[in-house]
Amino acid sequence: MFVVPDWDGQLRLSDTPPGPPSSARDLEVRSVPYRTARAFVERHHYLGYAPPGVRVCLGVWYGERLVGVLVFGRPSARLEDQRRTLELTRMVLLDECSRNSESRALALAVRWIWKNMPGIRRLIAYADPGREHRGTVYRAAGWRLVGRTNGGRWSCPSRPRRRDAAVGPKLKFELILGTP
C-alpha cells in the first residue's frame, strides 16, 4: 500500500503507486456520481463549474486514483436531438496525465456510452478557440469538425446565465456512434 495525494489534496491509501500514469493505456473509465464529478470540475476546470442537464459522469482512473472526469449532458442547442444525442459539456484531466490521455479517455468514454446507453447515437462537443482549444483531442479520437458557432450570450430574464461562461465562437465536433 502507498500513501498518495488524491485529486482533492487529501492523502489516501492506494495500491496504485504515487506519480503520474506512465502511459495513456493505463487509464480506465468508470461511472462516478455527479457530486464527485462536479467537485472535480470545480477544482480543476478553467470555467470552474459543471453545467446543468447532466446525463452521465465518467471518471478517468489510474488504478484507484481519479485523474479526470468527462461530463455528458443534454445538448445545449434546442434543435439537437435531445434523446439520442449527448453533449460533452466538460472534460478535464489532471496535468500529470501522460501524452494522449485526453483522446484515450474520449475513446474509452465512447465505448462506455455505446455499451451502457444503447439509445445514444451521436456525441457532440465544442472547442473554444478563445482558450487556444482547437479540437486536436477530438480529431485524434476520430471526431469530425462539423461547424463553427457564432458565440454570444443567450441569457434572458427568465433564464439568467453565468457571467463567466465562455461566450466567443466555438468549433463544433461530432461523433456518430456506429458499430463498436
Protein backbone atom coordinates (compact mmCIF):
# COMPACT_ATOMS: atom_id res chain seq x y z
CA MET A 1 0.00 0.00 0.00
CA PHE A 2 1.07 3.53 -0.79
CA VAL A 3 0.05 6.86 0.73
CA VAL A 4 -0.72 9.11 -2.23
CA PRO A 5 -2.22 12.59 -2.62
CA ASP A 6 -5.60 12.45 -4.36
CA TRP A 7 -7.14 14.97 -6.79
CA ASP A 8 -8.73 16.86 -3.89
CA GLY A 9 -5.45 17.23 -1.98
CA GLN A 10 -6.27 14.54 0.59
CA LEU A 11 -3.82 11.74 1.33
CA ARG A 12 -5.23 8.29 0.70
CA LEU A 13 -4.06 4.68 0.89
CA SER A 14 -3.79 3.12 -2.55
CA ASP A 15 -2.44 0.05 -4.30
CA THR A 16 -1.52 2.37 -7.18
CA PRO A 17 1.97 3.84 -6.80
CA PRO A 18 2.29 7.63 -6.49
CA GLY A 19 3.12 9.66 -9.55
CA PRO A 20 1.59 10.13 -12.95
CA PRO A 21 0.34 7.32 -15.17
CA SER A 22 3.25 6.13 -17.29
CA SER A 23 1.03 5.73 -20.35
CA ALA A 24 -2.45 6.66 -21.52
CA ARG A 25 -3.03 2.90 -21.85
CA ASP A 26 -3.01 2.69 -18.03
CA LEU A 27 -6.26 4.69 -17.83
CA GLU A 28 -9.77 3.32 -17.32
CA VAL A 29 -13.20 4.97 -17.47
CA ARG A 30 -15.96 4.23 -14.95
CA SER A 31 -19.16 5.97 -13.93
CA VAL A 32 -18.87 8.39 -11.00
CA PRO A 33 -21.56 10.24 -9.03
CA TYR A 34 -22.42 13.73 -10.22
CA ARG A 35 -21.32 15.11 -6.84
CA THR A 36 -17.79 13.75 -7.38
CA ALA A 37 -17.61 14.96 -10.99
CA ARG A 38 -18.88 18.41 -10.03
CA ALA A 39 -16.31 18.77 -7.24
CA PHE A 40 -13.52 17.66 -9.61
CA VAL A 41 -14.63 20.14 -12.29
CA GLU A 42 -14.97 22.98 -9.77
CA ARG A 43 -11.44 22.37 -8.58
CA HIS A 44 -9.65 21.67 -11.89
CA HIS A 45 -11.56 23.01 -14.93
CA TYR A 46 -10.81 26.54 -16.13
CA LEU A 47 -14.51 27.52 -16.07
CA GLY A 48 -14.89 26.19 -12.53
CA TYR A 49 -18.44 24.83 -12.73
CA ALA A 50 -20.39 21.90 -14.13
CA PRO A 51 -23.36 22.92 -16.28
CA PRO A 52 -26.91 21.62 -15.73
CA GLY A 53 -28.56 18.87 -17.74
CA VAL A 54 -26.10 16.12 -16.86
CA ARG A 55 -26.94 12.62 -18.12
CA VAL A 56 -23.76 10.72 -17.24
CA CYS A 57 -20.47 11.43 -15.45
CA LEU A 58 -17.44 9.29 -16.21
CA GLY A 59 -14.32 9.23 -14.10
CA VAL A 60 -10.90 8.67 -15.63
CA TRP A 61 -8.98 6.35 -13.33
CA TYR A 62 -5.34 5.42 -12.95
CA GLY A 63 -5.67 2.35 -10.76
CA GLU A 64 -7.58 3.60 -7.73
CA ARG A 65 -6.84 7.28 -8.36
CA LEU A 66 -9.31 9.59 -10.05
CA VAL A 67 -7.28 11.67 -12.54
CA GLY A 68 -10.05 13.16 -14.67
CA VAL A 69 -13.74 13.41 -15.47
CA LEU A 70 -15.92 13.63 -18.55
CA VAL A 71 -19.41 15.04 -18.09
CA PHE A 72 -22.03 14.36 -20.76
CA GLY A 73 -25.41 16.05 -20.79
CA ARG A 74 -28.35 17.06 -22.91
CA PRO A 75 -27.34 19.14 -25.91
CA SER A 76 -27.44 22.85 -25.09
CA ALA A 77 -28.75 23.65 -28.59
CA ARG A 78 -32.51 23.12 -28.51
CA LEU A 79 -32.65 21.95 -32.14
CA GLU A 80 -30.39 18.96 -31.43
CA ASP A 81 -31.98 15.55 -30.84
CA GLN A 82 -32.38 15.63 -27.06
CA ARG A 83 -32.96 11.87 -26.71
CA ARG A 84 -30.30 10.30 -28.92
CA THR A 85 -27.52 12.89 -28.68
CA LEU A 86 -25.19 13.62 -25.78
CA GLU A 87 -23.02 16.71 -25.49
CA LEU A 88 -19.64 16.50 -23.81
CA THR A 89 -20.06 19.51 -21.54
CA ARG A 90 -16.86 19.17 -19.50
CA MET A 91 -13.65 17.22 -19.87
CA VAL A 92 -10.74 17.75 -17.54
CA LEU A 93 -7.74 15.57 -16.75
CA LEU A 94 -5.00 16.39 -14.28
CA ASP A 95 -1.87 17.88 -15.83
CA GLU A 96 0.13 14.91 -14.55
CA CYS A 97 -1.56 12.61 -17.07
CA SER A 98 0.65 11.40 -19.89
CA ARG A 99 0.54 12.47 -23.51
CA ASN A 100 -2.56 11.31 -25.45
CA SER A 101 -4.54 10.76 -22.23
CA GLU A 102 -7.42 13.01 -23.31
CA SER A 103 -8.00 11.24 -26.62
CA ARG A 104 -7.66 7.86 -24.88
CA ALA A 105 -10.21 8.91 -22.25
CA LEU A 106 -12.58 10.05 -25.02
CA ALA A 107 -12.25 6.72 -26.82
CA LEU A 108 -12.92 4.82 -23.58
CA ALA A 109 -15.92 7.05 -22.84
CA VAL A 110 -17.36 6.35 -26.30
CA ARG A 111 -17.09 2.60 -25.65
CA TRP A 112 -18.73 3.02 -22.24
CA ILE A 113 -21.63 5.01 -23.73
CA TRP A 114 -22.07 2.53 -26.58
CA LYS A 115 -22.27 -0.35 -24.11
CA ASN A 116 -24.33 1.28 -21.34
CA MET A 117 -26.54 3.79 -23.18
CA PRO A 118 -27.74 1.97 -26.31
CA GLY A 119 -30.21 4.70 -27.30
CA ILE A 120 -27.42 7.24 -27.84
CA ARG A 121 -26.42 7.54 -31.49
CA ARG A 122 -24.44 10.77 -31.62
CA LEU A 123 -21.99 12.71 -29.48
CA ILE A 124 -21.19 16.40 -29.87
CA ALA A 125 -18.62 18.67 -28.27
CA TYR A 126 -17.41 22.23 -28.63
CA ALA A 127 -13.84 23.52 -28.58
CA ASP A 128 -13.11 27.10 -27.53
CA PRO A 129 -10.51 28.73 -29.82
CA GLY A 130 -10.52 31.73 -27.47
CA ARG A 131 -8.81 29.44 -24.94
CA GLU A 132 -6.44 28.03 -27.57
CA HIS A 133 -8.54 24.86 -27.84
CA ARG A 134 -8.53 23.81 -31.48
CA GLY A 135 -10.16 20.39 -31.20
CA THR A 136 -6.94 18.39 -31.55
CA VAL A 137 -8.15 15.94 -28.88
CA TYR A 138 -11.43 15.36 -30.74
CA ARG A 139 -9.72 14.88 -34.10
CA ALA A 140 -7.27 12.41 -32.55
CA ALA A 141 -10.21 10.41 -31.18
CA GLY A 142 -11.93 10.25 -34.58
CA TRP A 143 -14.47 13.05 -34.15
CA ARG A 144 -15.33 15.25 -37.13
CA LEU A 145 -15.46 19.06 -37.29
CA VAL A 146 -18.99 19.98 -38.42
CA GLY A 147 -19.11 23.74 -37.99
CA ARG A 148 -18.47 26.88 -36.03
CA THR A 149 -20.89 28.69 -33.74
CA ASN A 150 -21.29 32.46 -33.74
CA GLY A 151 -20.86 32.74 -30.00
CA GLY A 152 -22.64 35.32 -27.90
CA ARG A 153 -24.68 35.40 -24.74
CA TRP A 154 -28.01 33.63 -24.56
CA SER A 155 -29.20 34.87 -21.25
CA CYS A 156 -32.75 36.13 -20.75
CA PRO A 157 -34.57 37.46 -17.69
CA SER A 158 -36.36 34.17 -17.05
CA ARG A 159 -33.18 32.09 -17.50
CA PRO A 160 -30.11 34.06 -16.44
CA ARG A 161 -26.75 32.50 -17.35
CA ARG A 162 -23.40 32.68 -15.64
CA ARG A 163 -21.40 35.80 -16.42
CA ASP A 164 -18.11 33.90 -16.53
CA ALA A 165 -19.31 31.47 -19.20
CA ALA A 166 -17.24 31.38 -22.38
CA VAL A 167 -19.22 33.40 -24.94
CA GLY A 168 -16.99 33.51 -28.04
CA PRO A 169 -17.32 31.39 -31.19
CA LYS A 170 -16.78 27.63 -30.76
CA LEU A 171 -15.78 24.80 -33.05
CA LYS A 172 -18.40 22.06 -33.11
CA PHE A 173 -17.37 18.40 -33.36
CA GLU A 174 -19.46 15.25 -33.65
CA LEU A 175 -19.05 11.52 -33.50
CA ILE A 176 -21.71 9.25 -34.96
CA LEU A 177 -21.89 6.03 -32.97
CA GLY A 178 -21.90 3.02 -35.26
CA THR A 179 -20.86 -0.50 -34.50
CA PRO A 180 -18.40 -0.78 -31.62
